Amino acid sequence: MLWVPPEGVHQKSVFMNPDQEGAQFLAPEKRGRAVTCGRFPLEKAVHPPTFWKSVVTGDPYKVRGMWIAACNPLLSQTHPLVTEKALRDHLEFTVVSDFFMTPTAALADMVLPAAMWLETDDVVNLHKIWCVLARKAVARVGEVRDNREVILELAKRLGMDAAFPWKDYHDYLQWVLKESGMTFDAFCCYVPV
């Protein structure tokens, strides 16, 4: 189902809500040290070829560890030889969470089984003008977990409550919809007029 989100839904898109980038949680002296540091204004996060080159060269700083979620940069990014060198020779610790054992996952120190979209509830509104309700349709098998659940648990353990104030993923979904006046359960029943 596709529709414009109800008024007040917290936007998850960095294009609609710049706070989603998280820069406000960095110390002021760290904000200017980003790998691409404004060199690519249309790239809201990081320019991938520049990032992987940075991992290999250590410029502007040495990246020591990485968590790669639902991505296979060895096959999906440009300059795969640089990416492979970075993963194989320059990172001290790499975690990959994915649905499959990809070539990137094969180079990781730890692989976490990630839940697919059919195994979790979500309010998807990343692309500015629409909002989709995704409902869990199948049970999870084994130790599969949604990446967002893992992120929230890790953030708690690291004392990052200011950046991740939700007690669990369901609480996060409630927050996304809070300003709309709807709970997640009410949103599940929402039918646009």
N, C-alpha and C. Protein backbone atom coordinates (compact mmCIF):
# COMPACT_ATOMS: atom_id res chain seq x y z
N MET A 1 0.85 -1.17 0.00
CA MET A 1 0.00 0.00 0.00
C MET A 1 0.89 1.23 0.00
N LEU A 2 0.56 2.22 -0.76
CA LEU A 2 1.39 3.40 -0.95
C LEU A 2 0.55 4.65 -0.73
N TRP A 3 1.04 5.54 0.13
CA TRP A 3 0.32 6.78 0.37
C TRP A 3 1.23 7.80 1.03
N VAL A 4 0.79 9.04 1.03
CA VAL A 4 1.52 10.11 1.71
C VAL A 4 1.39 9.87 3.20
N PRO A 5 2.47 9.99 3.98
CA PRO A 5 2.38 9.70 5.40
C PRO A 5 1.45 10.67 6.11
N PRO A 6 0.77 10.20 7.14
CA PRO A 6 -0.06 11.10 7.94
C PRO A 6 0.79 12.22 8.52
N GLU A 7 0.21 13.38 8.69
CA GLU A 7 0.92 14.53 9.26
C GLU A 7 1.56 14.14 10.59
N GLY A 8 2.81 14.55 10.77
CA GLY A 8 3.49 14.32 12.03
C GLY A 8 4.33 13.06 12.09
N VAL A 9 4.36 12.25 11.04
CA VAL A 9 5.21 11.06 11.05
C VAL A 9 6.66 11.52 10.97
N HIS A 10 7.52 11.04 11.89
CA HIS A 10 8.93 11.41 11.87
C HIS A 10 9.57 10.86 10.61
N GLN A 11 10.14 11.73 9.82
CA GLN A 11 10.81 11.32 8.58
C GLN A 11 12.15 10.66 8.89
N LYS A 12 12.41 9.51 8.25
CA LYS A 12 13.68 8.81 8.43
C LYS A 12 14.67 9.16 7.33
N SER A 13 14.24 9.92 6.33
CA SER A 13 15.11 10.29 5.22
C SER A 13 16.03 11.43 5.63
N VAL A 14 17.33 11.30 5.33
CA VAL A 14 18.26 12.39 5.62
C VAL A 14 17.98 13.59 4.73
N PHE A 15 17.25 13.39 3.64
CA PHE A 15 16.90 14.50 2.77
C PHE A 15 15.76 15.33 3.35
N MET A 16 14.88 14.68 4.12
CA MET A 16 13.75 15.36 4.73
C MET A 16 14.01 15.76 6.18
N ASN A 17 14.92 15.06 6.84
CA ASN A 17 15.21 15.30 8.25
C ASN A 17 16.72 15.20 8.47
N PRO A 18 17.45 16.31 8.35
CA PRO A 18 18.91 16.29 8.49
C PRO A 18 19.40 15.71 9.82
N ASP A 19 18.56 15.75 10.86
CA ASP A 19 18.97 15.18 12.15
C ASP A 19 19.21 13.68 12.07
N GLN A 20 18.67 13.02 11.04
CA GLN A 20 18.88 11.58 10.88
C GLN A 20 20.34 11.24 10.64
N GLU A 21 21.14 12.20 10.19
CA GLU A 21 22.56 11.94 9.95
C GLU A 21 23.30 11.70 11.26
N GLY A 22 22.85 12.31 12.34
CA GLY A 22 23.47 12.09 13.64
C GLY A 22 24.66 12.99 13.96
N ALA A 23 24.98 13.94 13.10
CA ALA A 23 26.14 14.81 13.35
C ALA A 23 26.03 15.57 14.66
N GLN A 24 24.80 15.83 15.11
CA GLN A 24 24.61 16.58 16.35
C GLN A 24 25.13 15.81 17.57
N PHE A 25 25.38 14.51 17.43
CA PHE A 25 25.89 13.73 18.55
C PHE A 25 27.41 13.64 18.56
N LEU A 26 28.06 14.17 17.54
CA LEU A 26 29.52 14.18 17.50
C LEU A 26 30.05 15.41 18.23
N ALA A 27 31.20 15.25 18.86
CA ALA A 27 31.86 16.40 19.47
C ALA A 27 32.23 17.38 18.35
N PRO A 28 32.16 18.69 18.59
CA PRO A 28 32.42 19.67 17.53
C PRO A 28 33.76 19.45 16.81
N GLU A 29 34.80 19.05 17.53
CA GLU A 29 36.10 18.84 16.89
C GLU A 29 36.12 17.62 15.97
N LYS A 30 35.14 16.72 16.11
CA LYS A 30 35.07 15.51 15.27
C LYS A 30 34.26 15.75 13.99
N ARG A 31 33.38 16.73 13.99
CA ARG A 31 32.47 16.92 12.85
C ARG A 31 33.21 17.22 11.55
N GLY A 32 34.29 17.92 11.61
CA GLY A 32 35.04 18.27 10.41
C GLY A 32 35.99 17.18 9.95
N ARG A 33 36.04 16.07 10.66
CA ARG A 33 36.97 14.99 10.30
C ARG A 33 36.34 13.89 9.46
N ALA A 34 35.12 14.06 9.03
CA ALA A 34 34.47 13.03 8.21
C ALA A 34 35.33 12.74 6.99
N VAL A 35 35.31 11.50 6.56
CA VAL A 35 36.16 11.07 5.45
C VAL A 35 35.99 11.96 4.23
N THR A 36 34.76 12.29 3.87
CA THR A 36 34.57 13.13 2.69
C THR A 36 34.35 14.59 3.04
N CYS A 37 34.03 14.90 4.26
CA CYS A 37 33.94 16.25 4.82
C CYS A 37 33.43 17.32 3.85
N GLY A 38 32.23 17.09 3.30
CA GLY A 38 31.60 18.09 2.45
C GLY A 38 32.13 18.16 1.04
N ARG A 39 33.05 17.28 0.66
CA ARG A 39 33.61 17.32 -0.70
C ARG A 39 32.59 16.89 -1.75
N PHE A 40 31.59 16.11 -1.34
CA PHE A 40 30.58 15.60 -2.28
C PHE A 40 29.21 16.01 -1.76
N PRO A 41 28.75 17.24 -2.08
CA PRO A 41 27.52 17.77 -1.48
C PRO A 41 26.26 16.95 -1.76
N LEU A 42 26.21 16.20 -2.86
CA LEU A 42 25.03 15.41 -3.15
C LEU A 42 25.07 14.03 -2.47
N GLU A 43 26.16 13.69 -1.86
CA GLU A 43 26.30 12.42 -1.15
C GLU A 43 26.12 12.71 0.33
N LYS A 44 24.92 12.40 0.85
CA LYS A 44 24.60 12.77 2.24
C LYS A 44 25.42 12.00 3.27
N ALA A 45 25.82 10.80 2.98
CA ALA A 45 26.55 10.01 3.98
C ALA A 45 28.04 10.06 3.69
N VAL A 46 28.51 9.21 2.84
CA VAL A 46 29.93 9.19 2.50
C VAL A 46 30.07 8.69 1.07
N HIS A 47 31.04 9.22 0.36
CA HIS A 47 31.32 8.82 -1.01
C HIS A 47 32.06 7.47 -0.95
N PRO A 48 31.42 6.37 -1.38
CA PRO A 48 32.01 5.04 -1.16
C PRO A 48 33.45 4.86 -1.67
N PRO A 49 33.81 5.24 -2.90
CA PRO A 49 35.20 5.04 -3.30
C PRO A 49 36.20 5.80 -2.41
N THR A 50 35.82 6.99 -1.99
CA THR A 50 36.69 7.78 -1.11
C THR A 50 36.81 7.10 0.25
N PHE A 51 35.70 6.55 0.74
CA PHE A 51 35.73 5.85 2.02
C PHE A 51 36.68 4.66 1.98
N TRP A 52 36.54 3.78 0.99
CA TRP A 52 37.39 2.58 0.95
C TRP A 52 38.86 2.95 0.76
N LYS A 53 39.13 3.98 -0.03
CA LYS A 53 40.51 4.46 -0.18
C LYS A 53 41.04 4.94 1.17
N SER A 54 40.20 5.61 1.93
CA SER A 54 40.58 6.10 3.25
C SER A 54 40.92 4.95 4.20
N VAL A 55 40.16 3.85 4.11
CA VAL A 55 40.45 2.69 4.97
C VAL A 55 41.85 2.16 4.66
N VAL A 56 42.21 2.13 3.38
CA VAL A 56 43.52 1.60 2.98
C VAL A 56 44.64 2.57 3.34
N THR A 57 44.44 3.87 3.10
CA THR A 57 45.52 4.85 3.30
C THR A 57 45.61 5.39 4.72
N GLY A 58 44.50 5.32 5.47
CA GLY A 58 44.48 5.90 6.82
C GLY A 58 44.29 7.39 6.82
N ASP A 59 43.95 7.98 5.68
CA ASP A 59 43.76 9.43 5.56
C ASP A 59 42.27 9.74 5.41
N PRO A 60 41.65 10.54 6.24
CA PRO A 60 42.21 11.44 7.24
C PRO A 60 42.44 10.79 8.61
N TYR A 61 42.03 9.56 8.81
CA TYR A 61 42.29 8.83 10.05
C TYR A 61 42.13 7.35 9.76
N LYS A 62 42.63 6.52 10.65
CA LYS A 62 42.56 5.07 10.45
C LYS A 62 41.21 4.54 10.92
N VAL A 63 40.49 3.91 10.02
CA VAL A 63 39.26 3.22 10.37
C VAL A 63 39.68 1.84 10.85
N ARG A 64 39.32 1.48 12.07
CA ARG A 64 39.80 0.23 12.66
C ARG A 64 38.78 -0.91 12.60
N GLY A 65 37.50 -0.58 12.59
CA GLY A 65 36.48 -1.61 12.57
C GLY A 65 35.26 -1.14 11.81
N MET A 66 34.43 -2.11 11.43
CA MET A 66 33.27 -1.76 10.63
C MET A 66 32.17 -2.80 10.81
N TRP A 67 30.94 -2.31 10.79
CA TRP A 67 29.78 -3.19 10.73
C TRP A 67 29.09 -2.90 9.40
N ILE A 68 29.01 -3.90 8.55
CA ILE A 68 28.38 -3.77 7.24
C ILE A 68 27.04 -4.49 7.32
N ALA A 69 25.96 -3.75 7.11
CA ALA A 69 24.62 -4.32 7.24
C ALA A 69 23.92 -4.34 5.88
N ALA A 70 23.48 -5.54 5.48
CA ALA A 70 22.67 -5.71 4.27
C ALA A 70 23.31 -5.07 3.04
N CYS A 71 24.60 -5.29 2.90
CA CYS A 71 25.34 -4.71 1.78
C CYS A 71 26.50 -5.63 1.43
N ASN A 72 26.79 -5.72 0.17
CA ASN A 72 27.89 -6.55 -0.31
C ASN A 72 28.82 -5.68 -1.15
N PRO A 73 29.61 -4.81 -0.49
CA PRO A 73 30.40 -3.84 -1.25
C PRO A 73 31.40 -4.45 -2.23
N LEU A 74 31.84 -5.68 -1.99
CA LEU A 74 32.74 -6.30 -2.96
C LEU A 74 32.09 -6.44 -4.33
N LEU A 75 30.77 -6.61 -4.35
CA LEU A 75 30.07 -6.76 -5.63
C LEU A 75 29.24 -5.55 -6.02
N SER A 76 28.99 -4.65 -5.09
CA SER A 76 28.07 -3.54 -5.40
C SER A 76 28.76 -2.18 -5.49
N GLN A 77 30.01 -2.08 -5.13
CA GLN A 77 30.72 -0.80 -5.17
C GLN A 77 31.73 -0.78 -6.31
N THR A 78 32.14 0.41 -6.67
CA THR A 78 33.22 0.52 -7.65
C THR A 78 34.54 0.18 -6.97
N HIS A 79 35.55 -0.08 -7.72
CA HIS A 79 36.90 -0.39 -7.22
C HIS A 79 36.90 -1.57 -6.23
N PRO A 80 36.42 -2.73 -6.67
CA PRO A 80 36.34 -3.87 -5.76
C PRO A 80 37.71 -4.34 -5.23
N LEU A 81 38.77 -4.12 -5.97
CA LEU A 81 40.09 -4.54 -5.48
C LEU A 81 40.52 -3.70 -4.28
N VAL A 82 40.21 -2.41 -4.30
CA VAL A 82 40.51 -1.54 -3.16
C VAL A 82 39.64 -1.95 -1.97
N THR A 83 38.37 -2.23 -2.24
CA THR A 83 37.46 -2.68 -1.18
C THR A 83 37.95 -3.98 -0.56
N GLU A 84 38.36 -4.93 -1.40
CA GLU A 84 38.86 -6.21 -0.88
C GLU A 84 40.12 -6.00 -0.04
N LYS A 85 41.03 -5.17 -0.51
CA LYS A 85 42.27 -4.88 0.25
C LYS A 85 41.92 -4.26 1.61
N ALA A 86 40.97 -3.34 1.60
CA ALA A 86 40.55 -2.69 2.86
C ALA A 86 39.98 -3.73 3.83
N LEU A 87 39.09 -4.58 3.34
CA LEU A 87 38.45 -5.59 4.19
C LEU A 87 39.45 -6.65 4.67
N ARG A 88 40.31 -7.08 3.79
CA ARG A 88 41.22 -8.19 4.10
C ARG A 88 42.43 -7.74 4.93
N ASP A 89 42.98 -6.57 4.62
CA ASP A 89 44.29 -6.20 5.18
C ASP A 89 44.30 -5.00 6.12
N HIS A 90 43.23 -4.20 6.16
CA HIS A 90 43.35 -2.93 6.88
C HIS A 90 42.37 -2.73 8.03
N LEU A 91 41.36 -3.53 8.12
CA LEU A 91 40.43 -3.41 9.24
C LEU A 91 40.78 -4.43 10.31
N GLU A 92 40.77 -3.99 11.56
CA GLU A 92 41.09 -4.90 12.66
C GLU A 92 39.93 -5.83 12.98
N PHE A 93 38.69 -5.35 12.76
CA PHE A 93 37.53 -6.17 13.07
C PHE A 93 36.37 -5.77 12.17
N THR A 94 35.77 -6.75 11.52
CA THR A 94 34.66 -6.50 10.62
C THR A 94 33.50 -7.44 10.96
N VAL A 95 32.32 -6.86 11.06
CA VAL A 95 31.09 -7.61 11.27
C VAL A 95 30.21 -7.38 10.05
N VAL A 96 29.60 -8.44 9.55
CA VAL A 96 28.64 -8.32 8.46
C VAL A 96 27.35 -8.97 8.92
N SER A 97 26.24 -8.24 8.78
CA SER A 97 24.93 -8.84 9.02
C SER A 97 24.21 -8.84 7.68
N ASP A 98 23.80 -10.02 7.27
CA ASP A 98 23.18 -10.15 5.95
C ASP A 98 22.31 -11.39 5.93
N PHE A 99 21.57 -11.52 4.83
CA PHE A 99 20.68 -12.67 4.67
C PHE A 99 21.43 -13.90 4.17
N PHE A 100 22.52 -13.66 3.45
CA PHE A 100 23.26 -14.73 2.79
C PHE A 100 24.75 -14.60 3.10
N MET A 101 25.50 -15.66 2.88
CA MET A 101 26.95 -15.61 3.00
C MET A 101 27.49 -15.06 1.68
N THR A 102 27.68 -13.76 1.65
CA THR A 102 28.14 -13.06 0.45
C THR A 102 29.67 -13.06 0.42
N PRO A 103 30.27 -12.66 -0.69
CA PRO A 103 31.74 -12.54 -0.72
C PRO A 103 32.26 -11.57 0.35
N THR A 104 31.54 -10.50 0.61
CA THR A 104 31.94 -9.57 1.67
C THR A 104 31.86 -10.24 3.03
N ALA A 105 30.76 -10.96 3.29
CA ALA A 105 30.59 -11.67 4.56
C ALA A 105 31.70 -12.70 4.77
N ALA A 106 32.15 -13.32 3.69
CA ALA A 106 33.21 -14.33 3.79
C ALA A 106 34.51 -13.74 4.32
N LEU A 107 34.71 -12.43 4.18
CA LEU A 107 35.93 -11.78 4.68
C LEU A 107 35.77 -11.22 6.09
N ALA A 108 34.57 -11.33 6.65
CA ALA A 108 34.30 -10.74 7.97
C ALA A 108 34.83 -11.61 9.10
N ASP A 109 35.09 -10.96 10.23
CA ASP A 109 35.47 -11.68 11.44
C ASP A 109 34.25 -12.32 12.10
N MET A 110 33.08 -11.70 11.91
CA MET A 110 31.84 -12.20 12.48
C MET A 110 30.71 -11.93 11.50
N VAL A 111 29.83 -12.93 11.32
CA VAL A 111 28.67 -12.77 10.46
C VAL A 111 27.42 -12.97 11.31
N LEU A 112 26.53 -11.98 11.27
CA LEU A 112 25.27 -12.05 12.01
C LEU A 112 24.13 -12.31 11.03
N PRO A 113 23.27 -13.28 11.33
CA PRO A 113 22.13 -13.53 10.44
C PRO A 113 21.07 -12.45 10.60
N ALA A 114 20.79 -11.75 9.52
CA ALA A 114 19.85 -10.62 9.57
C ALA A 114 18.45 -11.07 9.17
N ALA A 115 17.46 -10.44 9.79
CA ALA A 115 16.06 -10.70 9.43
C ALA A 115 15.75 -10.01 8.11
N MET A 116 14.94 -10.68 7.31
CA MET A 116 14.48 -10.09 6.06
C MET A 116 13.23 -9.24 6.35
N TRP A 117 12.83 -8.46 5.38
CA TRP A 117 11.70 -7.55 5.58
C TRP A 117 10.41 -8.29 5.89
N LEU A 118 10.28 -9.52 5.49
CA LEU A 118 9.06 -10.28 5.81
C LEU A 118 9.05 -10.78 7.25
N GLU A 119 10.17 -10.63 7.96
CA GLU A 119 10.29 -11.14 9.31
C GLU A 119 10.18 -10.06 10.38
N THR A 120 9.78 -8.85 9.99
CA THR A 120 9.74 -7.75 10.95
C THR A 120 8.69 -6.72 10.57
N ASP A 121 8.20 -5.98 11.54
CA ASP A 121 7.30 -4.86 11.30
C ASP A 121 8.13 -3.62 11.00
N ASP A 122 7.56 -2.70 10.21
CA ASP A 122 8.28 -1.46 9.92
C ASP A 122 7.32 -0.40 9.42
N VAL A 123 7.72 0.84 9.58
CA VAL A 123 7.07 1.98 8.95
C VAL A 123 8.14 2.58 8.04
N VAL A 124 7.99 2.34 6.76
CA VAL A 124 9.01 2.76 5.80
C VAL A 124 8.59 4.08 5.20
N ASN A 125 9.42 5.11 5.42
CA ASN A 125 9.11 6.43 4.85
C ASN A 125 10.40 7.15 4.48
N LEU A 126 11.30 6.44 3.88
CA LEU A 126 12.60 7.01 3.55
C LEU A 126 12.59 7.95 2.35
N HIS A 127 11.62 7.81 1.48
CA HIS A 127 11.70 8.51 0.21
C HIS A 127 10.76 9.69 0.08
N LYS A 128 10.77 10.53 1.08
CA LYS A 128 10.18 11.86 1.08
C LYS A 128 8.67 11.95 1.10
N ILE A 129 7.97 11.31 0.18
CA ILE A 129 6.55 11.64 0.03
C ILE A 129 5.60 10.49 0.32
N TRP A 130 6.11 9.31 0.61
CA TRP A 130 5.20 8.19 0.82
C TRP A 130 5.56 7.45 2.09
N CYS A 131 4.63 6.63 2.48
CA CYS A 131 4.80 5.87 3.72
C CYS A 131 4.20 4.49 3.50
N VAL A 132 4.95 3.46 3.86
CA VAL A 132 4.49 2.10 3.67
C VAL A 132 4.52 1.37 5.00
N LEU A 133 3.47 0.67 5.27
CA LEU A 133 3.41 -0.19 6.44
C LEU A 133 3.88 -1.58 6.01
N ALA A 134 4.92 -2.07 6.64
CA ALA A 134 5.40 -3.43 6.37
C ALA A 134 5.11 -4.25 7.61
N ARG A 135 4.34 -5.31 7.48
CA ARG A 135 3.97 -6.16 8.59
C ARG A 135 4.73 -7.48 8.53
N LYS A 136 5.12 -7.94 9.68
CA LYS A 136 5.78 -9.23 9.80
C LYS A 136 4.84 -10.31 9.24
N ALA A 137 5.34 -11.10 8.28
CA ALA A 137 4.50 -12.10 7.63
C ALA A 137 4.93 -13.53 7.95
N VAL A 138 6.19 -13.71 8.31
CA VAL A 138 6.70 -15.06 8.60
C VAL A 138 7.51 -15.02 9.89
N ALA A 139 7.59 -16.16 10.54
CA ALA A 139 8.36 -16.25 11.79
C ALA A 139 9.85 -16.29 11.48
N ARG A 140 10.63 -15.74 12.38
CA ARG A 140 12.09 -15.80 12.26
C ARG A 140 12.56 -17.20 12.62
N VAL A 141 13.64 -17.61 11.99
CA VAL A 141 14.21 -18.94 12.23
C VAL A 141 15.59 -18.77 12.84
N GLY A 142 15.90 -19.57 13.84
CA GLY A 142 17.23 -19.55 14.43
C GLY A 142 17.53 -18.26 15.17
N GLU A 143 18.74 -17.76 14.99
CA GLU A 143 19.21 -16.57 15.72
C GLU A 143 19.07 -15.29 14.90
N VAL A 144 18.24 -15.29 13.88
CA VAL A 144 18.03 -14.13 13.03
C VAL A 144 17.48 -12.97 13.86
N ARG A 145 18.04 -11.77 13.63
CA ARG A 145 17.55 -10.56 14.30
C ARG A 145 17.52 -9.41 13.30
N ASP A 146 16.59 -8.51 13.51
CA ASP A 146 16.53 -7.30 12.70
C ASP A 146 17.72 -6.42 13.07
N ASN A 147 18.38 -5.85 12.06
CA ASN A 147 19.56 -5.01 12.31
C ASN A 147 19.25 -3.86 13.26
N ARG A 148 18.05 -3.30 13.18
CA ARG A 148 17.70 -2.17 14.05
C ARG A 148 17.61 -2.60 15.50
N GLU A 149 17.16 -3.81 15.75
CA GLU A 149 17.15 -4.33 17.12
C GLU A 149 18.57 -4.45 17.66
N VAL A 150 19.47 -4.92 16.82
CA VAL A 150 20.88 -5.06 17.22
C VAL A 150 21.49 -3.68 17.47
N ILE A 151 21.20 -2.72 16.60
CA ILE A 151 21.72 -1.36 16.77
C ILE A 151 21.26 -0.77 18.10
N LEU A 152 19.97 -0.91 18.41
CA LEU A 152 19.45 -0.36 19.66
C LEU A 152 20.09 -1.02 20.88
N GLU A 153 20.28 -2.32 20.84
CA GLU A 153 20.92 -3.01 21.97
C GLU A 153 22.38 -2.60 22.12
N LEU A 154 23.09 -2.50 21.00
CA LEU A 154 24.49 -2.08 21.04
C LEU A 154 24.61 -0.65 21.55
N ALA A 155 23.73 0.23 21.09
CA ALA A 155 23.75 1.63 21.55
C ALA A 155 23.55 1.72 23.05
N LYS A 156 22.65 0.92 23.60
CA LYS A 156 22.44 0.91 25.06
C LYS A 156 23.71 0.49 25.78
N ARG A 157 24.35 -0.56 25.28
CA ARG A 157 25.58 -1.06 25.92
C ARG A 157 26.72 -0.05 25.83
N LEU A 158 26.70 0.80 24.80
CA LEU A 158 27.74 1.81 24.63
C LEU A 158 27.38 3.14 25.31
N GLY A 159 26.22 3.18 25.98
CA GLY A 159 25.81 4.40 26.67
C GLY A 159 25.38 5.51 25.74
N MET A 160 24.84 5.17 24.59
CA MET A 160 24.45 6.17 23.60
C MET A 160 22.95 6.47 23.65
N ASP A 161 22.42 6.58 24.86
CA ASP A 161 20.98 6.79 25.04
C ASP A 161 20.49 8.09 24.42
N ALA A 162 21.30 9.13 24.38
CA ALA A 162 20.87 10.40 23.79
C ALA A 162 20.60 10.23 22.30
N ALA A 163 21.40 9.44 21.61
CA ALA A 163 21.22 9.24 20.18
C ALA A 163 20.17 8.18 19.87
N PHE A 164 19.99 7.23 20.79
CA PHE A 164 19.05 6.12 20.60
C PHE A 164 18.18 5.99 21.84
N PRO A 165 17.19 6.88 22.02
CA PRO A 165 16.44 6.94 23.28
C PRO A 165 15.34 5.88 23.43
N TRP A 166 15.16 5.00 22.47
CA TRP A 166 14.06 4.05 22.50
C TRP A 166 14.46 2.79 23.27
N LYS A 167 13.51 2.24 24.06
CA LYS A 167 13.83 1.06 24.86
C LYS A 167 13.93 -0.20 24.00
N ASP A 168 13.22 -0.23 22.87
CA ASP A 168 13.29 -1.37 21.95
C ASP A 168 12.76 -0.91 20.59
N TYR A 169 12.75 -1.82 19.63
CA TYR A 169 12.34 -1.47 18.28
C TYR A 169 10.86 -1.06 18.20
N HIS A 170 10.00 -1.72 18.95
CA HIS A 170 8.58 -1.35 18.96
C HIS A 170 8.41 0.09 19.48
N ASP A 171 9.18 0.45 20.49
CA ASP A 171 9.16 1.81 21.03
C ASP A 171 9.60 2.81 19.95
N TYR A 172 10.58 2.42 19.15
CA TYR A 172 11.03 3.26 18.04
C TYR A 172 9.89 3.47 17.03
N LEU A 173 9.19 2.39 16.69
CA LEU A 173 8.06 2.51 15.76
C LEU A 173 6.98 3.44 16.32
N GLN A 174 6.76 3.37 17.62
CA GLN A 174 5.79 4.28 18.26
C GLN A 174 6.26 5.72 18.11
N TRP A 175 7.57 5.97 18.29
CA TRP A 175 8.14 7.31 18.16
C TRP A 175 7.98 7.85 16.74
N VAL A 176 8.22 7.01 15.74
CA VAL A 176 8.08 7.43 14.34
C VAL A 176 6.68 8.02 14.11
N LEU A 177 5.69 7.42 14.74
CA LEU A 177 4.30 7.83 14.52
C LEU A 177 3.74 8.78 15.57
N LYS A 178 4.48 9.04 16.63
CA LYS A 178 3.97 9.78 17.79
C LYS A 178 3.28 11.09 17.43
N GLU A 179 3.93 11.93 16.65
CA GLU A 179 3.37 13.25 16.32
C GLU A 179 2.15 13.16 15.42
N SER A 180 1.93 12.00 14.81
CA SER A 180 0.73 11.83 13.97
C SER A 180 -0.50 11.57 14.83
N GLY A 181 -0.28 11.27 16.12
CA GLY A 181 -1.39 10.95 17.00
C GLY A 181 -1.82 9.50 16.95
N MET A 182 -1.07 8.69 16.18
CA MET A 182 -1.41 7.27 16.06
C MET A 182 -0.37 6.40 16.73
N THR A 183 -0.82 5.31 17.28
CA THR A 183 0.10 4.27 17.75
C THR A 183 0.42 3.39 16.55
N PHE A 184 1.39 2.49 16.70
CA PHE A 184 1.70 1.58 15.61
C PHE A 184 0.49 0.71 15.29
N ASP A 185 -0.21 0.23 16.32
CA ASP A 185 -1.39 -0.61 16.09
C ASP A 185 -2.48 0.15 15.34
N ALA A 186 -2.68 1.43 15.69
CA ALA A 186 -3.67 2.24 14.98
C ALA A 186 -3.24 2.46 13.52
N PHE A 187 -1.96 2.68 13.31
CA PHE A 187 -1.44 2.88 11.97
C PHE A 187 -1.66 1.63 11.10
N CYS A 188 -1.56 0.47 11.74
CA CYS A 188 -1.80 -0.78 11.01
C CYS A 188 -3.23 -0.85 10.47
N CYS A 189 -4.13 -0.16 11.11
CA CYS A 189 -5.54 -0.16 10.69
C CYS A 189 -5.90 1.06 9.84
N TYR A 190 -4.94 1.98 9.67
CA TYR A 190 -5.19 3.24 8.96
C TYR A 190 -5.51 2.99 7.50
N VAL A 191 -6.57 3.59 7.02
CA VAL A 191 -6.95 3.53 5.61
C VAL A 191 -7.15 4.96 5.15
N PRO A 192 -6.33 5.44 4.17
CA PRO A 192 -6.48 6.82 3.72
C PRO A 192 -7.83 7.04 3.05
N VAL A 193 -8.36 8.24 3.26
CA VAL A 193 -9.66 8.58 2.68
C VAL A 193 -9.45 9.37 1.42
